[in-house]
Amino acid sequence: MAALPQVVSQAWETRKGPIVLATVSPEGVPNAIYATCVKKYDEERLVVADNYFDKTRANIAAGSKASLLFITEAGKAYQVKGSIEYATNGPVFDDMKTWLDPKHPGHAAAILHVEQVFSGAMQLL
């Protein structure tokens, strides 16, 4: 499993606003969503809480890869790409329930496994 480069791991701590999570359907139709309920689980995995997924959930179930885009307070953008799994139980799901605001349903944890990382056109991993 690949790990976030140190500069990106540190940038994650200063992200601003929602992230953008993109998936693609089996027919090749892209889907992108804003999400605010996110956390770095460890250096290899980023977690997005499924509170209101629909097309995103279907795309993950169909085997889509994903891209997560975030911006820092300083205005620097980073994109993390990789495989994504959908967990409705287990340690990552249980952890998500500890930080997720109870006003959200938290149906599942979408776990993005780091495979590639970019800053603009520059590939960092």
N, C-alpha and C. Protein backbone atom coordinates (compact mmCIF):
# COMPACT_ATOMS: atom_id res chain seq x y z
N MET A 1 0.84 -1.18 0.00
CA MET A 1 0.00 0.00 0.00
C MET A 1 0.89 1.24 0.00
N ALA A 2 0.53 2.25 -0.78
CA ALA A 2 1.29 3.49 -0.85
C ALA A 2 0.88 4.42 0.28
N ALA A 3 1.79 5.31 0.66
CA ALA A 3 1.51 6.26 1.73
C ALA A 3 1.55 7.68 1.18
N LEU A 4 0.80 8.55 1.82
CA LEU A 4 0.83 9.96 1.44
C LEU A 4 2.24 10.51 1.62
N PRO A 5 2.74 11.27 0.66
CA PRO A 5 4.01 11.96 0.88
C PRO A 5 3.86 12.90 2.09
N GLN A 6 4.94 13.11 2.82
CA GLN A 6 4.89 13.91 4.04
C GLN A 6 4.28 15.29 3.80
N VAL A 7 4.63 15.93 2.68
CA VAL A 7 4.11 17.26 2.40
C VAL A 7 2.58 17.25 2.27
N VAL A 8 2.04 16.18 1.71
CA VAL A 8 0.59 16.07 1.53
C VAL A 8 -0.08 15.72 2.85
N SER A 9 0.55 14.87 3.63
CA SER A 9 0.02 14.52 4.94
C SER A 9 -0.07 15.77 5.81
N GLN A 10 0.94 16.60 5.77
CA GLN A 10 0.92 17.86 6.53
C GLN A 10 -0.11 18.82 5.96
N ALA A 11 -0.23 18.88 4.64
CA ALA A 11 -1.21 19.77 3.99
C ALA A 11 -2.63 19.37 4.39
N TRP A 12 -2.88 18.06 4.54
CA TRP A 12 -4.21 17.58 4.93
C TRP A 12 -4.66 18.26 6.23
N GLU A 13 -3.73 18.49 7.13
CA GLU A 13 -4.06 19.09 8.43
C GLU A 13 -4.47 20.56 8.29
N THR A 14 -4.18 21.18 7.15
CA THR A 14 -4.54 22.59 6.95
C THR A 14 -5.56 22.75 5.83
N ARG A 15 -6.30 21.66 5.51
CA ARG A 15 -7.27 21.77 4.42
C ARG A 15 -8.38 22.73 4.81
N LYS A 16 -8.97 23.30 3.78
CA LYS A 16 -10.01 24.31 3.97
C LYS A 16 -11.25 23.89 3.19
N GLY A 17 -12.39 23.96 3.85
CA GLY A 17 -13.65 23.67 3.16
C GLY A 17 -13.84 22.20 2.87
N PRO A 18 -14.86 21.89 2.07
CA PRO A 18 -15.15 20.49 1.75
C PRO A 18 -14.13 19.92 0.76
N ILE A 19 -14.07 18.60 0.73
CA ILE A 19 -13.28 17.92 -0.29
C ILE A 19 -14.21 17.62 -1.46
N VAL A 20 -13.64 17.26 -2.59
CA VAL A 20 -14.41 16.78 -3.74
C VAL A 20 -14.02 15.33 -3.94
N LEU A 21 -15.02 14.45 -3.98
CA LEU A 21 -14.79 13.03 -4.21
C LEU A 21 -15.41 12.68 -5.56
N ALA A 22 -14.60 12.12 -6.46
CA ALA A 22 -15.09 11.76 -7.79
C ALA A 22 -14.97 10.26 -8.00
N THR A 23 -16.02 9.70 -8.61
CA THR A 23 -16.06 8.29 -9.00
C THR A 23 -16.58 8.24 -10.43
N VAL A 24 -16.63 7.03 -10.97
CA VAL A 24 -17.14 6.88 -12.33
C VAL A 24 -18.01 5.62 -12.40
N SER A 25 -19.09 5.72 -13.18
CA SER A 25 -20.00 4.58 -13.34
C SER A 25 -19.39 3.55 -14.29
N PRO A 26 -19.94 2.35 -14.33
CA PRO A 26 -19.46 1.34 -15.28
C PRO A 26 -19.58 1.80 -16.74
N GLU A 27 -20.51 2.73 -17.01
CA GLU A 27 -20.68 3.26 -18.37
C GLU A 27 -19.71 4.40 -18.66
N GLY A 28 -18.88 4.76 -17.68
CA GLY A 28 -17.90 5.83 -17.87
C GLY A 28 -18.41 7.22 -17.53
N VAL A 29 -19.55 7.31 -16.86
CA VAL A 29 -20.12 8.61 -16.50
C VAL A 29 -19.51 9.06 -15.18
N PRO A 30 -18.80 10.21 -15.17
CA PRO A 30 -18.20 10.68 -13.93
C PRO A 30 -19.24 11.24 -12.97
N ASN A 31 -18.93 11.18 -11.69
CA ASN A 31 -19.78 11.75 -10.65
C ASN A 31 -18.85 12.37 -9.61
N ALA A 32 -19.12 13.61 -9.23
CA ALA A 32 -18.31 14.29 -8.22
C ALA A 32 -19.23 14.88 -7.16
N ILE A 33 -18.80 14.77 -5.91
CA ILE A 33 -19.58 15.30 -4.79
C ILE A 33 -18.69 16.11 -3.87
N TYR A 34 -19.29 17.05 -3.16
CA TYR A 34 -18.62 17.72 -2.04
C TYR A 34 -18.89 16.88 -0.80
N ALA A 35 -17.89 16.81 0.08
CA ALA A 35 -18.08 16.12 1.36
C ALA A 35 -17.30 16.86 2.44
N THR A 36 -17.91 16.99 3.59
CA THR A 36 -17.25 17.66 4.71
C THR A 36 -16.87 16.68 5.82
N CYS A 37 -17.49 15.52 5.86
CA CYS A 37 -17.22 14.54 6.90
C CYS A 37 -16.13 13.59 6.42
N VAL A 38 -14.88 14.04 6.60
CA VAL A 38 -13.72 13.30 6.10
C VAL A 38 -12.64 13.26 7.17
N LYS A 39 -11.76 12.25 7.07
CA LYS A 39 -10.66 12.14 8.01
C LYS A 39 -9.55 11.31 7.39
N LYS A 40 -8.33 11.63 7.75
CA LYS A 40 -7.19 10.77 7.39
C LYS A 40 -7.14 9.68 8.44
N TYR A 41 -7.40 8.45 8.04
CA TYR A 41 -7.38 7.32 8.99
C TYR A 41 -5.94 6.96 9.35
N ASP A 42 -5.11 6.90 8.32
CA ASP A 42 -3.67 6.71 8.49
C ASP A 42 -3.02 7.22 7.21
N GLU A 43 -1.75 7.00 7.04
CA GLU A 43 -1.04 7.55 5.88
C GLU A 43 -1.40 6.86 4.56
N GLU A 44 -2.08 5.72 4.64
CA GLU A 44 -2.46 4.98 3.43
C GLU A 44 -3.93 5.10 3.08
N ARG A 45 -4.76 5.63 4.00
CA ARG A 45 -6.21 5.64 3.79
C ARG A 45 -6.86 6.95 4.25
N LEU A 46 -7.73 7.46 3.38
CA LEU A 46 -8.57 8.61 3.70
C LEU A 46 -10.01 8.11 3.75
N VAL A 47 -10.79 8.63 4.69
CA VAL A 47 -12.15 8.15 4.89
C VAL A 47 -13.15 9.27 4.65
N VAL A 48 -14.18 8.95 3.88
CA VAL A 48 -15.30 9.86 3.64
C VAL A 48 -16.55 9.16 4.17
N ALA A 49 -17.27 9.83 5.05
CA ALA A 49 -18.50 9.24 5.60
C ALA A 49 -19.60 9.28 4.55
N ASP A 50 -20.25 8.13 4.35
CA ASP A 50 -21.42 8.09 3.47
C ASP A 50 -22.63 8.50 4.29
N ASN A 51 -22.98 9.76 4.13
CA ASN A 51 -24.19 10.26 4.78
C ASN A 51 -25.34 10.31 3.79
N TYR A 52 -25.04 10.70 2.56
CA TYR A 52 -26.11 10.91 1.58
C TYR A 52 -25.69 10.45 0.19
N PHE A 53 -24.79 9.47 0.09
CA PHE A 53 -24.37 8.96 -1.21
C PHE A 53 -25.54 8.32 -1.94
N ASP A 54 -25.52 8.40 -3.25
CA ASP A 54 -26.45 7.66 -4.10
C ASP A 54 -25.64 7.13 -5.27
N LYS A 55 -25.34 7.99 -6.25
CA LYS A 55 -24.52 7.56 -7.38
C LYS A 55 -23.13 7.15 -6.93
N THR A 56 -22.59 7.86 -5.96
CA THR A 56 -21.26 7.51 -5.44
C THR A 56 -21.26 6.10 -4.88
N ARG A 57 -22.26 5.75 -4.09
CA ARG A 57 -22.38 4.40 -3.51
C ARG A 57 -22.46 3.36 -4.63
N ALA A 58 -23.29 3.63 -5.63
CA ALA A 58 -23.45 2.68 -6.75
C ALA A 58 -22.13 2.52 -7.51
N ASN A 59 -21.42 3.62 -7.73
CA ASN A 59 -20.15 3.55 -8.45
C ASN A 59 -19.11 2.75 -7.67
N ILE A 60 -19.05 2.96 -6.36
CA ILE A 60 -18.12 2.19 -5.53
C ILE A 60 -18.46 0.71 -5.60
N ALA A 61 -19.74 0.38 -5.48
CA ALA A 61 -20.18 -1.02 -5.54
C ALA A 61 -19.82 -1.66 -6.88
N ALA A 62 -19.78 -0.86 -7.94
CA ALA A 62 -19.47 -1.38 -9.27
C ALA A 62 -17.96 -1.45 -9.52
N GLY A 63 -17.15 -1.06 -8.52
CA GLY A 63 -15.71 -1.21 -8.68
C GLY A 63 -14.97 0.03 -9.13
N SER A 64 -15.60 1.19 -9.06
CA SER A 64 -14.95 2.43 -9.48
C SER A 64 -13.71 2.72 -8.66
N LYS A 65 -12.72 3.31 -9.29
CA LYS A 65 -11.63 3.95 -8.57
C LYS A 65 -12.15 5.34 -8.20
N ALA A 66 -11.38 6.08 -7.40
CA ALA A 66 -11.85 7.38 -6.96
C ALA A 66 -10.71 8.39 -6.94
N SER A 67 -11.11 9.64 -6.93
CA SER A 67 -10.18 10.75 -6.81
C SER A 67 -10.73 11.69 -5.75
N LEU A 68 -9.87 12.09 -4.82
CA LEU A 68 -10.26 13.02 -3.76
C LEU A 68 -9.41 14.27 -3.91
N LEU A 69 -10.06 15.41 -4.00
CA LEU A 69 -9.39 16.69 -4.19
C LEU A 69 -9.62 17.55 -2.97
N PHE A 70 -8.54 18.16 -2.45
CA PHE A 70 -8.70 19.10 -1.35
C PHE A 70 -7.79 20.29 -1.55
N ILE A 71 -8.13 21.38 -0.88
CA ILE A 71 -7.36 22.62 -0.97
C ILE A 71 -6.97 23.04 0.44
N THR A 72 -5.80 23.62 0.58
CA THR A 72 -5.32 24.05 1.89
C THR A 72 -5.71 25.51 2.14
N GLU A 73 -5.52 25.93 3.39
CA GLU A 73 -5.78 27.32 3.75
C GLU A 73 -4.91 28.27 2.92
N ALA A 74 -3.74 27.80 2.50
CA ALA A 74 -2.84 28.61 1.68
C ALA A 74 -3.22 28.59 0.20
N GLY A 75 -4.26 27.83 -0.17
CA GLY A 75 -4.72 27.79 -1.55
C GLY A 75 -4.03 26.76 -2.42
N LYS A 76 -3.28 25.85 -1.84
CA LYS A 76 -2.61 24.79 -2.60
C LYS A 76 -3.55 23.59 -2.71
N ALA A 77 -3.69 23.04 -3.90
CA ALA A 77 -4.60 21.92 -4.13
C ALA A 77 -3.82 20.62 -4.27
N TYR A 78 -4.41 19.55 -3.75
CA TYR A 78 -3.84 18.21 -3.84
C TYR A 78 -4.93 17.25 -4.27
N GLN A 79 -4.53 16.25 -5.06
CA GLN A 79 -5.46 15.22 -5.52
C GLN A 79 -4.88 13.85 -5.17
N VAL A 80 -5.70 13.03 -4.52
CA VAL A 80 -5.31 11.68 -4.15
C VAL A 80 -6.20 10.72 -4.93
N LYS A 81 -5.57 9.76 -5.62
CA LYS A 81 -6.31 8.80 -6.43
C LYS A 81 -6.04 7.39 -5.93
N GLY A 82 -7.04 6.53 -6.09
CA GLY A 82 -6.83 5.14 -5.71
C GLY A 82 -8.09 4.33 -5.72
N SER A 83 -7.96 3.10 -5.24
CA SER A 83 -9.13 2.23 -5.13
C SER A 83 -9.92 2.67 -3.91
N ILE A 84 -11.20 2.34 -3.92
CA ILE A 84 -12.07 2.77 -2.82
C ILE A 84 -12.94 1.59 -2.40
N GLU A 85 -13.06 1.42 -1.10
CA GLU A 85 -13.92 0.35 -0.58
C GLU A 85 -15.01 0.96 0.28
N TYR A 86 -16.05 0.20 0.49
CA TYR A 86 -17.25 0.65 1.20
C TYR A 86 -17.43 -0.24 2.42
N ALA A 87 -17.21 0.32 3.62
CA ALA A 87 -17.27 -0.48 4.85
C ALA A 87 -18.47 -0.10 5.70
N THR A 88 -19.29 -1.09 6.01
CA THR A 88 -20.45 -0.87 6.87
C THR A 88 -20.22 -1.47 8.26
N ASN A 89 -19.03 -2.00 8.48
CA ASN A 89 -18.62 -2.49 9.79
C ASN A 89 -17.10 -2.59 9.79
N GLY A 90 -16.54 -2.94 10.94
CA GLY A 90 -15.09 -3.08 11.03
C GLY A 90 -14.44 -1.87 11.67
N PRO A 91 -13.12 -1.92 11.83
CA PRO A 91 -12.40 -0.89 12.56
C PRO A 91 -12.50 0.51 11.96
N VAL A 92 -12.42 0.63 10.64
CA VAL A 92 -12.49 1.96 10.03
C VAL A 92 -13.90 2.53 10.19
N PHE A 93 -14.92 1.71 9.98
CA PHE A 93 -16.30 2.15 10.18
C PHE A 93 -16.51 2.57 11.64
N ASP A 94 -16.03 1.76 12.58
CA ASP A 94 -16.18 2.08 14.00
C ASP A 94 -15.49 3.40 14.33
N ASP A 95 -14.30 3.61 13.77
CA ASP A 95 -13.59 4.88 14.00
C ASP A 95 -14.39 6.05 13.45
N MET A 96 -14.95 5.89 12.24
CA MET A 96 -15.74 6.96 11.64
C MET A 96 -16.88 7.37 12.56
N LYS A 97 -17.52 6.40 13.18
CA LYS A 97 -18.64 6.70 14.07
C LYS A 97 -18.20 7.53 15.28
N THR A 98 -16.92 7.49 15.66
CA THR A 98 -16.45 8.26 16.82
C THR A 98 -16.27 9.73 16.50
N TRP A 99 -15.95 10.07 15.24
CA TRP A 99 -15.75 11.48 14.90
C TRP A 99 -16.89 12.09 14.10
N LEU A 100 -17.80 11.29 13.62
CA LEU A 100 -18.92 11.79 12.83
C LEU A 100 -19.96 12.44 13.73
N ASP A 101 -20.37 13.64 13.36
CA ASP A 101 -21.43 14.33 14.09
C ASP A 101 -22.69 13.46 14.06
N PRO A 102 -23.29 13.20 15.23
CA PRO A 102 -24.45 12.30 15.28
C PRO A 102 -25.67 12.79 14.49
N LYS A 103 -25.67 14.04 14.06
CA LYS A 103 -26.78 14.51 13.24
C LYS A 103 -26.76 13.90 11.84
N HIS A 104 -25.61 13.30 11.46
CA HIS A 104 -25.48 12.64 10.15
C HIS A 104 -25.70 11.13 10.31
N PRO A 105 -26.27 10.48 9.29
CA PRO A 105 -26.57 9.05 9.42
C PRO A 105 -25.35 8.13 9.41
N GLY A 106 -24.29 8.48 8.71
CA GLY A 106 -23.10 7.63 8.69
C GLY A 106 -23.39 6.20 8.28
N HIS A 107 -23.98 6.03 7.10
CA HIS A 107 -24.35 4.69 6.61
C HIS A 107 -23.13 3.78 6.46
N ALA A 108 -21.99 4.38 6.04
CA ALA A 108 -20.79 3.58 5.80
C ALA A 108 -19.58 4.50 5.73
N ALA A 109 -18.42 3.88 5.74
CA ALA A 109 -17.16 4.60 5.55
C ALA A 109 -16.64 4.25 4.16
N ALA A 110 -16.46 5.26 3.32
CA ALA A 110 -15.83 5.07 2.01
C ALA A 110 -14.33 5.27 2.25
N ILE A 111 -13.55 4.23 2.01
CA ILE A 111 -12.13 4.24 2.34
C ILE A 111 -11.32 4.32 1.05
N LEU A 112 -10.67 5.46 0.85
CA LEU A 112 -9.82 5.66 -0.33
C LEU A 112 -8.41 5.19 0.01
N HIS A 113 -7.92 4.21 -0.75
CA HIS A 113 -6.57 3.68 -0.58
C HIS A 113 -5.63 4.48 -1.48
N VAL A 114 -4.65 5.12 -0.88
CA VAL A 114 -3.73 5.98 -1.62
C VAL A 114 -2.93 5.16 -2.62
N GLU A 115 -3.00 5.58 -3.90
CA GLU A 115 -2.20 4.94 -4.95
C GLU A 115 -1.39 5.97 -5.73
N GLN A 116 -1.98 7.14 -5.96
CA GLN A 116 -1.30 8.23 -6.67
C GLN A 116 -1.65 9.54 -5.97
N VAL A 117 -0.71 10.48 -6.00
CA VAL A 117 -0.94 11.80 -5.40
C VAL A 117 -0.37 12.86 -6.33
N PHE A 118 -1.15 13.92 -6.53
CA PHE A 118 -0.75 15.02 -7.40
C PHE A 118 -0.91 16.36 -6.69
N SER A 119 -0.09 17.31 -7.11
CA SER A 119 -0.27 18.72 -6.77
C SER A 119 -0.24 19.42 -8.12
N GLY A 120 -1.42 19.83 -8.59
CA GLY A 120 -1.50 20.35 -9.96
C GLY A 120 -1.15 19.22 -10.91
N ALA A 121 -0.28 19.51 -11.89
CA ALA A 121 0.13 18.49 -12.86
C ALA A 121 1.31 17.65 -12.34
N MET A 122 1.90 18.05 -11.20
CA MET A 122 3.06 17.34 -10.68
C MET A 122 2.65 16.12 -9.88
N GLN A 123 3.14 14.95 -10.32
CA GLN A 123 2.85 13.72 -9.60
C GLN A 123 3.83 13.58 -8.46
N LEU A 124 3.30 13.46 -7.24
CA LEU A 124 4.12 13.34 -6.03
C LEU A 124 4.31 11.89 -5.61
N LEU A 125 3.42 11.02 -6.08
CA LEU A 125 3.49 9.59 -5.76
C LEU A 125 2.89 8.80 -6.90
